[in-house]
């Protein structure tokens, strides 16, 4: 193919892959996919990205950019549309800038959470990056552009990013915010710049390739305290949700610093289904075994002193004591192992992707390679106990009747809205499980959409669910797409702007 030769001339042959084994690996996700890719290209800097995009236009060959390809449960590295070339940006892995006083770091797409953690550790920084519960080797930019979630302060990633460098689908480069002005002093300090702000159109979109971004960091607290409590049933859960909402609205608990996990998510964290105990039977039902399906709630207090932590603890205890039998508060240090809440990345949560597998969780976790079945749904809810518990009853019923465990977490991302993470876990090697899992996903998605609880983030299999009969918003996106990408070569079908 002439287009392959053109890319080989720009990147050298060792950075253009057409071998079937390489393509098969990238075409494989944690659920069934049919898309086939033509090749994988790996540019090494922004200029090579630009040249690759120009070649794609010249030969009318669509490209699908990925950062590190760890979007497990939502599509991994697989393009939305068929017959794309995957542009792997992993070689763009430089930390461009860092500022301790203003608490920011500027990175390229190949920079991982682990890399940033080690960098901050090496320079003895007093700052930490909000990390994810997923792979330490996932891309910081990739997570941000999906409007993904970190743990703790600045965890609502899209609120703490700015200064994008973007290669447009035609090959031109722009810098967003104040970055458009050569000598601006506040490029990395403010997302808005002056005039219309463009940052948002490059998140969850196919309107440009982000090759650089600034991410804001958080000072390591002088005193950090976590707390947890056990919630016995949905009735208590409803009450606790409303209490936490008020505590967050009052500023007692920071945004993105309180979570609820159901019992199945807690168990799956260990990555082991109790096959022997259940004699191979699925699904696991703690309601049948124990008579209860409790929830675990955890919160984090990032304080300037022990005295502040004690004051907040008293307020929280007073608010929750009537509804929760016992709350446990624990003081932790920054660099304790597995301390995700203080910016220490870990694979501890990604073990859950092996929940239904009958193999030992490997040291090198790779759910795509090991045929782990994982499908995520990520709806957004009003921060209201009654609405959430009512929806939970239906969600759990759908999942159980489909033959899976309702693996569910709730993140109190703001004082007004909460994010729910629903995971369908299975073994892809078991006959018929791919189909059953996707049917369960589709039923859940239909319920959520019809109930008004729209997902804030989509998997590649769900991009088409955004259309409505009279959607002027989507039509505007299509108009912008046509203007920026007249040949539709950049990630066609992604979030439907094509």
Protein backbone atom coordinates (compact mmCIF):
# COMPACT_ATOMS: atom_id res chain seq x y z
CA UNK A 1 0.00 0.00 0.00
CA UNK A 2 1.33 3.41 -0.96
CA UNK A 3 0.08 4.98 2.27
CA UNK A 4 2.10 2.48 4.32
CA UNK A 5 5.23 3.28 2.33
CA UNK A 6 4.65 6.99 2.88
CA UNK A 7 4.42 6.51 6.65
CA UNK A 8 7.50 4.27 6.62
CA UNK A 9 9.49 7.03 4.95
CA UNK A 10 8.50 9.48 7.69
CA UNK A 11 8.72 7.18 10.72
CA UNK A 12 11.11 4.45 9.50
CA UNK A 13 9.81 0.88 9.02
CA UNK A 14 10.30 -0.17 12.66
CA UNK A 15 7.55 2.26 13.71
CA UNK A 16 4.97 1.06 11.19
CA UNK A 17 3.41 -2.32 11.99
CA UNK A 18 1.44 -4.43 9.55
CA UNK A 19 2.13 -7.92 10.93
CA UNK A 20 -1.01 -9.88 11.74
CA UNK A 21 0.08 -10.62 15.32
CA UNK A 22 0.48 -6.92 16.10
CA UNK A 23 -2.83 -6.02 14.49
CA UNK A 24 -4.70 -8.82 16.27
CA UNK A 25 -3.44 -7.64 19.67
CA UNK A 26 -4.63 -4.08 19.06
CA UNK A 27 -7.98 -5.28 17.67
CA UNK A 28 -8.64 -7.22 20.88
CA UNK A 29 -10.52 -5.69 23.81
CA UNK A 30 -12.23 -6.90 26.96
CA UNK A 31 -15.47 -7.58 25.07
CA UNK A 32 -16.33 -8.78 21.58
CA UNK A 33 -15.37 -6.42 18.74
CA UNK A 34 -15.49 -6.81 14.96
CA UNK A 35 -13.40 -3.85 13.85
CA UNK A 36 -10.28 -4.58 11.84
CA UNK A 37 -7.31 -2.24 11.56
CA UNK A 38 -5.00 -1.77 8.59
CA UNK A 39 -1.77 -0.89 10.43
CA UNK A 40 -0.24 0.68 13.53
CA UNK A 41 1.92 3.79 13.26
CA UNK A 42 4.07 5.21 16.07
CA UNK A 43 5.19 8.81 15.59
CA UNK A 44 7.91 10.06 17.92
CA UNK A 45 7.14 13.76 18.20
CA UNK A 46 4.60 16.40 17.26
CA UNK A 47 6.14 17.05 13.85
CA UNK A 48 5.85 13.38 12.93
CA UNK A 49 2.22 13.41 14.11
CA UNK A 50 1.58 16.32 11.74
CA UNK A 51 3.23 14.55 8.82
CA UNK A 52 1.28 11.35 9.52
CA UNK A 53 -1.98 13.29 9.52
CA UNK A 54 -1.14 14.94 6.21
CA UNK A 55 -0.40 11.54 4.68
CA UNK A 56 -3.71 10.20 6.02
CA UNK A 57 -5.49 13.05 4.24
CA UNK A 58 -3.56 12.53 1.04
CA UNK A 59 -4.50 8.84 0.87
CA UNK A 60 -7.96 9.21 2.46
CA UNK A 61 -7.03 6.70 5.18
CA UNK A 62 -8.67 7.15 8.60
CA UNK A 63 -6.47 7.14 11.71
CA UNK A 64 -7.45 6.41 15.31
CA UNK A 65 -5.12 7.94 17.93
CA UNK A 66 -4.47 6.19 21.25
CA UNK A 67 -2.16 7.22 24.07
CA UNK A 68 -1.21 4.07 26.00
CA UNK A 69 -4.23 1.91 25.10
CA UNK A 70 -5.35 1.06 28.65
CA UNK A 71 -9.01 2.07 28.17
CA UNK A 72 -10.05 -1.32 29.53
CA UNK A 73 -13.77 -1.98 29.76
CA UNK A 74 -14.57 0.86 27.36
CA UNK A 75 -12.78 -0.29 24.22
CA UNK A 76 -9.06 -0.66 25.03
CA UNK A 77 -7.21 0.24 21.80
CA UNK A 78 -9.94 -0.76 19.35
CA UNK A 79 -11.22 1.96 16.98
CA UNK A 80 -14.91 2.81 16.80
CA UNK A 81 -15.02 2.28 13.03
CA UNK A 82 -13.65 -0.45 10.80
CA UNK A 83 -10.54 -0.15 8.59
CA UNK A 84 -8.69 2.51 10.56
CA UNK A 85 -4.96 2.83 11.16
CA UNK A 86 -4.16 3.07 14.87
CA UNK A 87 -1.83 5.94 15.74
CA UNK A 88 -0.01 4.91 18.92
CA UNK A 89 1.31 8.03 20.70
CA UNK A 90 3.28 6.08 23.31
CA UNK A 91 6.63 7.35 22.02
CA UNK A 92 5.62 10.92 22.89
CA UNK A 93 6.54 10.36 26.53
CA UNK A 94 8.31 13.50 27.71
CA UNK A 95 7.58 15.61 30.78
CA UNK A 96 7.84 19.06 29.23
CA UNK A 97 7.50 21.38 32.21
CA UNK A 98 6.99 21.33 35.97
CA UNK A 99 6.35 24.06 38.51
CA UNK A 100 6.31 23.46 42.27
CA UNK A 101 4.99 26.90 43.26
CA UNK A 102 2.03 26.83 40.89
CA UNK A 103 1.55 23.06 41.22
CA UNK A 104 1.40 21.90 37.62
CA UNK A 105 3.09 19.50 35.23
CA UNK A 106 3.04 19.55 31.43
CA UNK A 107 3.22 16.20 29.66
CA UNK A 108 2.91 14.39 26.34
CA UNK A 109 0.38 11.58 25.63
CA UNK A 110 2.78 8.73 26.38
CA UNK A 111 3.50 9.93 29.91
CA UNK A 112 1.97 7.54 32.45
CA UNK A 113 0.75 7.93 36.02
CA UNK A 114 3.67 5.79 37.19
CA UNK A 115 6.13 8.01 35.33
CA UNK A 116 4.78 11.17 36.94
CA UNK A 117 4.78 9.56 40.39
CA UNK A 118 8.43 8.51 40.03
CA UNK A 119 9.38 11.94 38.69
CA UNK A 120 7.79 13.73 41.65
CA UNK A 121 9.45 11.27 44.02
CA UNK A 122 12.87 11.77 42.43
CA UNK A 123 12.77 15.56 42.71
CA UNK A 124 11.36 15.35 46.28
CA UNK A 125 8.29 17.31 45.26
CA UNK A 126 5.75 18.40 47.85
CA UNK A 127 3.00 17.72 45.31
CA UNK A 128 1.09 14.68 44.15
CA UNK A 129 -0.96 13.75 41.11
CA UNK A 130 -4.47 12.40 41.49
CA UNK A 131 -4.08 8.87 40.13
CA UNK A 132 -6.67 6.43 38.79
CA UNK A 133 -7.83 3.08 40.09
CA UNK A 134 -6.73 1.58 36.78
CA UNK A 135 -3.30 0.71 35.46
CA UNK A 136 -0.30 2.78 36.67
CA UNK A 137 0.87 2.56 33.06
CA UNK A 138 -2.17 4.34 31.66
CA UNK A 139 -1.77 7.72 30.00
CA UNK A 140 -2.45 10.88 31.96
CA UNK A 141 -3.60 12.69 28.81
CA UNK A 142 -5.65 9.72 27.65
CA UNK A 143 -7.50 9.68 30.97
CA UNK A 144 -8.08 13.43 30.87
CA UNK A 145 -9.39 13.48 27.30
CA UNK A 146 -11.93 10.78 28.17
CA UNK A 147 -13.00 12.98 31.12
CA UNK A 148 -11.84 10.17 33.32
CA UNK A 149 -11.63 10.23 37.08
CA UNK A 150 -8.74 10.45 39.47
CA UNK A 151 -8.81 9.76 43.20
CA UNK A 152 -8.97 12.65 45.67
CA UNK A 153 -8.45 16.39 45.04
CA UNK A 154 -8.24 17.40 41.37
CA UNK A 155 -9.69 13.98 40.56
CA UNK A 156 -12.34 15.46 38.30
CA UNK A 157 -9.63 15.62 35.68
CA UNK A 158 -11.27 17.89 33.15
CA UNK A 159 -11.47 20.66 35.78
CA UNK A 160 -7.71 20.64 36.32
CA UNK A 161 -6.25 20.61 32.83
CA UNK A 162 -5.34 23.39 30.41
CA UNK A 163 -2.86 24.56 27.78
CA UNK A 164 -3.52 21.96 25.10
CA UNK A 165 -1.25 21.58 22.11
CA UNK A 166 -3.43 20.11 19.37
CA UNK A 167 -2.68 18.77 15.91
CA UNK A 168 -5.82 19.37 13.85
CA UNK A 169 -7.09 16.79 11.34
CA UNK A 170 -5.51 18.77 8.51
CA UNK A 171 -2.08 18.90 10.15
CA UNK A 172 -2.06 22.44 11.56
CA UNK A 173 -1.20 23.01 15.23
CA UNK A 174 -3.01 25.20 17.75
CA UNK A 175 -2.40 26.03 21.41
CA UNK A 176 -5.45 26.61 23.58
CA UNK A 177 -6.13 29.17 26.31
CA UNK A 178 -3.38 31.75 26.76
CA UNK A 179 -1.01 29.37 24.93
CA UNK A 180 -1.96 31.06 21.66
CA UNK A 181 0.09 34.09 22.81
CA UNK A 182 3.82 33.44 22.51
CA UNK A 183 4.91 35.27 25.66
CA UNK A 184 1.90 34.66 27.89
CA UNK A 185 2.85 34.15 31.56
CA UNK A 186 -0.37 32.38 32.57
CA UNK A 187 -0.66 29.65 29.94
CA UNK A 188 -0.47 26.83 32.49
CA UNK A 189 -2.44 28.67 35.18
CA UNK A 190 -5.81 29.28 33.58
CA UNK A 191 -7.89 27.17 31.19
CA UNK A 192 -9.93 29.93 29.61
CA UNK A 193 -7.59 32.40 27.95
CA UNK A 194 -9.47 35.25 26.31
CA UNK A 195 -12.34 34.85 23.87
CA UNK A 196 -14.15 31.56 23.17
CA UNK A 197 -12.54 28.59 24.93
CA UNK A 198 -11.74 25.60 22.72
CA UNK A 199 -10.36 23.09 25.24
CA UNK A 200 -13.68 21.31 25.69
CA UNK A 201 -14.14 20.39 22.04
CA UNK A 202 -11.00 18.26 22.16
CA UNK A 203 -12.20 16.06 25.05
CA UNK A 204 -14.34 13.05 24.17
CA UNK A 205 -14.10 14.02 20.52
CA UNK A 206 -12.44 13.37 17.18
CA UNK A 207 -11.63 16.98 16.37
CA UNK A 208 -7.90 16.96 17.09
CA UNK A 209 -4.90 15.04 18.44
CA UNK A 210 -3.67 16.45 21.75
CA UNK A 211 0.12 16.20 21.85
CA UNK A 212 0.71 18.19 25.03
CA UNK A 213 -1.29 19.24 28.09
CA UNK A 214 -0.82 20.87 31.48
CA UNK A 215 -2.29 19.07 34.50
CA UNK A 216 -2.65 20.62 37.94
CA UNK A 217 -1.23 18.89 41.00
CA UNK A 218 -2.13 18.91 44.70
CA UNK A 219 0.09 19.69 47.72
CA UNK A 220 0.74 16.67 49.92
CA UNK A 221 -1.40 17.35 53.00
CA UNK A 222 0.33 18.04 56.29
CA UNK A 223 -2.15 15.64 57.85
CA UNK A 224 -4.18 13.03 55.98
CA UNK A 225 -6.93 10.92 57.43
CA UNK A 226 -9.23 8.38 55.82
CA UNK A 227 -12.43 6.97 57.25
CA UNK A 228 -14.74 4.11 56.40
CA UNK A 229 -18.04 2.63 57.47
CA UNK A 230 -20.20 -0.36 56.65
CA UNK A 231 -23.71 0.20 55.29
CA UNK A 232 -25.99 -2.78 55.76
CA UNK A 233 -28.73 -2.19 53.18
CA UNK A 234 -30.28 0.14 50.60
CA UNK A 235 -32.43 1.89 53.20
CA UNK A 236 -29.34 2.99 55.12
CA UNK A 237 -27.51 3.74 51.87
CA UNK A 238 -30.21 6.22 50.86
CA UNK A 239 -29.86 8.07 54.17
CA UNK A 240 -26.06 8.16 54.07
CA UNK A 241 -26.01 9.49 50.50
CA UNK A 242 -28.14 12.47 51.50
CA UNK A 243 -26.04 13.15 54.62
CA UNK A 244 -22.80 13.09 52.61
CA UNK A 245 -24.32 15.41 50.01
CA UNK A 246 -24.97 18.03 52.67
CA UNK A 247 -21.51 17.60 54.20
CA UNK A 248 -19.97 18.15 50.77
CA UNK A 249 -22.18 21.14 50.03
CA UNK A 250 -21.00 22.67 53.32
CA UNK A 251 -17.35 21.95 52.47
CA UNK A 252 -16.74 19.47 55.31
CA UNK A 253 -15.82 16.79 52.76
CA UNK A 254 -14.05 17.87 49.57
CA UNK A 255 -15.40 17.06 46.13
CA UNK A 256 -14.28 13.70 44.77
CA UNK A 257 -13.20 12.52 48.23
CA UNK A 258 -15.99 10.12 49.17
CA UNK A 259 -16.96 6.79 47.58
CA UNK A 260 -19.37 3.91 48.01
CA UNK A 261 -18.46 0.35 46.93
CA UNK A 262 -20.87 -2.54 47.02
CA UNK A 263 -19.78 -5.90 48.43
CA UNK A 264 -19.18 -7.43 45.00
CA UNK A 265 -16.76 -4.70 43.98
CA UNK A 266 -14.88 -5.13 47.26
CA UNK A 267 -14.59 -8.89 46.67
CA UNK A 268 -13.57 -8.47 43.02
CA UNK A 269 -10.67 -6.27 44.03
CA UNK A 270 -8.93 -9.47 45.07
CA UNK A 271 -9.50 -10.86 41.58
CA UNK A 272 -10.76 -14.28 42.68
CA UNK A 273 -14.24 -15.72 42.20
CA UNK A 274 -14.99 -18.44 44.83
CA UNK A 275 -15.25 -21.23 42.27
CA UNK A 276 -14.45 -24.05 44.68
CA UNK A 277 -16.81 -22.89 47.42
CA UNK A 278 -19.70 -22.55 44.96
CA UNK A 279 -18.92 -25.72 43.03
CA UNK A 280 -18.55 -23.79 39.78
CA UNK A 281 -21.96 -22.15 40.06
CA UNK A 282 -22.52 -18.56 38.88
CA UNK A 283 -23.47 -15.92 39.75
CA UNK A 284 -22.36 -15.38 43.33
CA UNK A 285 -25.27 -14.19 45.53
CA UNK A 286 -24.34 -12.91 48.96
CA UNK A 287 -28.03 -12.35 49.57
CA UNK A 288 -28.56 -16.11 49.34
CA UNK A 289 -25.38 -17.02 51.25
CA UNK A 290 -25.33 -14.39 53.99
CA UNK A 291 -28.71 -12.67 53.82
CA UNK A 292 -27.10 -9.26 53.24
CA UNK A 293 -25.37 -7.33 50.45
CA UNK A 294 -23.61 -4.53 52.33
CA UNK A 295 -21.86 -1.43 51.01
CA UNK A 296 -18.56 0.03 52.14
CA UNK A 297 -18.25 3.82 52.24
CA UNK A 298 -14.85 5.52 52.39
CA UNK A 299 -13.83 9.15 52.66
CA UNK A 300 -10.62 11.15 52.73
CA UNK A 301 -9.69 14.28 54.67
CA UNK A 302 -6.78 16.34 53.34
CA UNK A 303 -5.90 18.66 56.21
CA UNK A 304 -3.38 21.32 57.14
CA UNK A 305 -3.10 20.02 60.72
CA UNK A 306 -4.18 17.25 63.05
CA UNK A 307 -6.41 19.73 64.81
CA UNK A 308 -8.33 20.41 61.60
CA UNK A 309 -8.70 16.67 60.98
CA UNK A 310 -10.09 16.14 64.50
CA UNK A 311 -12.59 18.96 64.03
CA UNK A 312 -13.81 17.51 60.73
CA UNK A 313 -13.95 14.04 62.25
CA UNK A 314 -16.28 15.26 65.01
CA UNK A 315 -18.64 16.86 62.48
CA UNK A 316 -18.75 13.70 60.35
CA UNK A 317 -19.29 11.43 63.35
CA UNK A 318 -22.12 13.61 64.59
CA UNK A 319 -23.79 13.54 61.17
CA UNK A 320 -23.49 9.79 60.59
CA UNK A 321 -23.70 8.15 64.02
CA UNK A 322 -27.47 7.70 64.02
CA UNK A 323 -27.42 5.79 60.74
CA UNK A 324 -24.08 4.00 60.78
CA UNK A 325 -23.11 1.66 63.59
CA UNK A 326 -19.39 2.38 63.47
CA UNK A 327 -17.03 4.72 61.64
CA UNK A 328 -13.30 4.04 61.65
CA UNK A 329 -10.81 6.87 61.10
CA UNK A 330 -7.22 6.09 60.09
CA UNK A 331 -4.18 8.35 59.74
CA UNK A 332 -1.87 7.47 56.82
CA UNK A 333 1.47 8.66 55.47
CA UNK A 334 2.04 9.75 51.87
CA UNK A 335 4.24 6.93 50.60
CA UNK A 336 2.56 3.97 52.20
CA UNK A 337 2.16 1.10 49.70
CA UNK A 338 -1.04 1.14 47.63
CA UNK A 339 -2.01 4.60 48.89
CA UNK A 340 -3.96 5.60 45.82
CA UNK A 341 -5.59 8.50 47.66
CA UNK A 342 -2.19 10.19 48.03
CA UNK A 343 -1.02 9.70 44.48
CA UNK A 344 0.75 6.32 44.68
CA UNK A 345 -0.33 4.39 41.55
CA UNK A 346 -1.05 0.69 41.89
CA UNK A 347 -2.49 -2.30 40.05
CA UNK A 348 -4.44 -3.32 43.15
CA UNK A 349 -7.83 -2.42 41.64
CA UNK A 350 -7.14 -3.82 38.17
CA UNK A 351 -7.00 -7.33 39.65
CA UNK A 352 -10.78 -7.19 39.49
CA UNK A 353 -10.65 -7.66 35.72
CA UNK A 354 -9.68 -11.31 36.44
CA UNK A 355 -12.68 -11.87 38.75
CA UNK A 356 -14.29 -14.68 36.74
CA UNK A 357 -11.03 -16.10 35.35
CA UNK A 358 -9.78 -19.46 36.64
CA UNK A 359 -6.13 -18.56 36.26
CA UNK A 360 -3.85 -16.88 38.75
CA UNK A 361 -3.72 -13.09 38.41
CA UNK A 362 -0.41 -12.53 36.57
CA UNK A 363 2.27 -10.11 37.70
CA UNK A 364 1.91 -8.27 34.40
CA UNK A 365 -1.79 -7.49 34.22
CA UNK A 366 -3.23 -7.35 30.70
CA UNK A 367 -6.99 -8.01 30.49
CA UNK A 368 -6.97 -7.82 26.67
CA UNK A 369 -4.28 -10.49 26.33
CA UNK A 370 -5.81 -12.77 28.96
CA UNK A 371 -9.38 -12.72 27.60
CA UNK A 372 -10.81 -11.04 30.68
CA UNK A 373 -14.39 -9.98 30.11
CA UNK A 374 -15.01 -6.41 31.28
CA UNK A 375 -17.70 -3.95 30.18
CA UNK A 376 -18.10 -0.63 31.99
CA UNK A 377 -21.08 1.71 32.14
CA UNK A 378 -20.62 5.18 33.62
CA UNK A 379 -23.91 7.00 34.24
CA UNK A 380 -24.23 10.34 36.02
CA UNK A 381 -26.90 10.81 38.72
CA UNK A 382 -28.27 13.68 40.77
CA UNK A 383 -26.80 13.51 44.28
CA UNK A 384 -30.07 12.25 45.72
CA UNK A 385 -30.44 9.11 47.81
CA UNK A 386 -33.97 8.20 46.78
CA UNK A 387 -33.32 8.53 43.04
CA UNK A 388 -30.09 6.59 43.24
CA UNK A 389 -31.41 3.70 45.33
CA UNK A 390 -34.53 3.40 43.16
CA UNK A 391 -32.33 3.13 40.08
CA UNK A 392 -29.97 0.72 41.88
CA UNK A 393 -32.79 -1.73 42.48
CA UNK A 394 -33.43 -1.99 38.73
CA UNK A 395 -29.73 -2.03 37.81
CA UNK A 396 -28.98 -4.87 40.24
CA UNK A 397 -32.01 -6.81 39.05
CA UNK A 398 -30.95 -6.59 35.40
CA UNK A 399 -27.39 -7.70 36.16
CA UNK A 400 -28.40 -10.60 38.40
CA UNK A 401 -31.01 -11.89 35.96
CA UNK A 402 -28.33 -11.84 33.26
CA UNK A 403 -26.12 -14.14 35.33
CA UNK A 404 -23.51 -11.68 36.62
CA UNK A 405 -22.63 -10.02 39.92
CA UNK A 406 -23.64 -6.34 40.27
CA UNK A 407 -20.14 -4.85 40.63
CA UNK A 408 -20.91 -1.21 41.41
CA UNK A 409 -19.13 1.85 42.79
CA UNK A 410 -20.38 5.39 43.36
CA UNK A 411 -18.06 8.39 43.31
CA UNK A 412 -19.22 11.61 44.96
CA UNK A 413 -17.59 13.79 42.34
CA UNK A 414 -19.37 17.02 43.28
CA UNK A 415 -21.92 18.13 45.85
CA UNK A 416 -24.61 18.10 43.16
CA UNK A 417 -23.94 15.02 41.02
CA UNK A 418 -22.47 11.58 41.51
CA UNK A 419 -20.92 9.11 39.11
CA UNK A 420 -21.78 5.44 39.11
CA UNK A 421 -19.41 2.80 37.77
CA UNK A 422 -21.08 -0.43 36.74
CA UNK A 423 -18.79 -3.30 35.75
CA UNK A 424 -19.91 -6.51 34.04
CA UNK A 425 -17.16 -9.05 34.73
CA UNK A 426 -16.87 -12.43 33.01
CA UNK A 427 -14.53 -14.84 31.22
CA UNK A 428 -14.38 -14.26 27.47
CA UNK A 429 -13.25 -17.86 26.91
CA UNK A 430 -16.55 -19.25 28.19
CA UNK A 431 -18.90 -19.95 25.31
CA UNK A 432 -21.71 -17.42 24.94
CA UNK A 433 -20.49 -15.06 27.67
CA UNK A 434 -19.53 -12.24 25.28
CA UNK A 435 -23.06 -12.16 23.93
CA UNK A 436 -24.72 -12.44 27.35
CA UNK A 437 -22.58 -9.66 28.76
CA UNK A 438 -23.29 -7.29 25.88
CA UNK A 439 -27.02 -8.02 26.08
CA UNK A 440 -26.86 -7.15 29.78
CA UNK A 441 -24.98 -3.95 28.94
CA UNK A 442 -27.52 -2.98 26.30
CA UNK A 443 -30.44 -3.56 28.65
CA UNK A 444 -28.77 -1.45 31.34
CA UNK A 445 -27.96 1.32 28.87
CA UNK A 446 -31.54 1.39 27.60
CA UNK A 447 -32.87 1.66 31.15
CA UNK A 448 -30.45 4.44 32.05
CA UNK A 449 -31.08 6.46 28.90
CA UNK A 450 -34.86 6.13 29.19
CA UNK A 451 -34.69 7.13 32.87
CA UNK A 452 -32.67 10.27 32.14
CA UNK A 453 -29.40 9.05 33.66
CA UNK A 454 -27.14 9.62 30.69
CA UNK A 455 -23.61 8.18 30.82
CA UNK A 456 -20.92 10.86 31.11
CA UNK A 457 -18.46 8.58 29.31
CA UNK A 458 -19.05 5.91 26.67
CA UNK A 459 -17.46 2.72 25.44
CA UNK A 460 -16.77 2.31 21.74
CA UNK A 461 -19.83 0.06 21.42
CA UNK A 462 -22.16 2.84 22.67
CA UNK A 463 -21.18 5.87 20.60
CA UNK A 464 -24.33 5.68 18.47
CA UNK A 465 -26.65 5.93 21.49
CA UNK A 466 -26.24 9.70 21.55
CA UNK A 467 -28.46 10.43 18.54
CA UNK A 468 -31.97 11.80 18.85
CA UNK A 469 -34.57 12.61 16.20
CA UNK A 470 -33.97 16.37 16.49
CA UNK A 471 -30.50 16.89 17.87
CA UNK A 472 -29.26 20.34 16.91
CA UNK A 473 -26.31 19.94 19.26
CA UNK A 474 -25.04 16.91 17.38
CA UNK A 475 -25.67 18.65 14.06
CA UNK A 476 -23.46 21.51 15.23
CA UNK A 477 -20.75 19.00 16.12
CA UNK A 478 -21.04 17.50 12.66
CA UNK A 479 -20.69 20.94 11.11
CA UNK A 480 -17.56 21.61 13.15
CA UNK A 481 -16.22 18.18 12.22
CA UNK A 482 -16.79 18.86 8.54
CA UNK A 483 -14.96 22.16 8.81
CA UNK A 484 -11.96 20.79 10.74
CA UNK A 485 -11.83 17.36 9.13
CA UNK A 486 -13.33 17.53 5.64
CA UNK A 487 -11.98 14.09 4.73
CA UNK A 488 -13.22 12.48 7.98
CA UNK A 489 -9.84 10.88 8.59
CA UNK A 490 -9.63 11.35 12.36
CA UNK A 491 -11.31 8.66 14.53
CA UNK A 492 -14.56 8.41 12.53
CA UNK A 493 -17.59 7.64 14.69
CA UNK A 494 -15.97 8.64 17.96
CA UNK A 495 -18.65 10.31 20.10
CA UNK A 496 -20.63 10.55 16.86
CA UNK A 497 -19.11 13.76 15.49
CA UNK A 498 -18.65 12.38 11.97
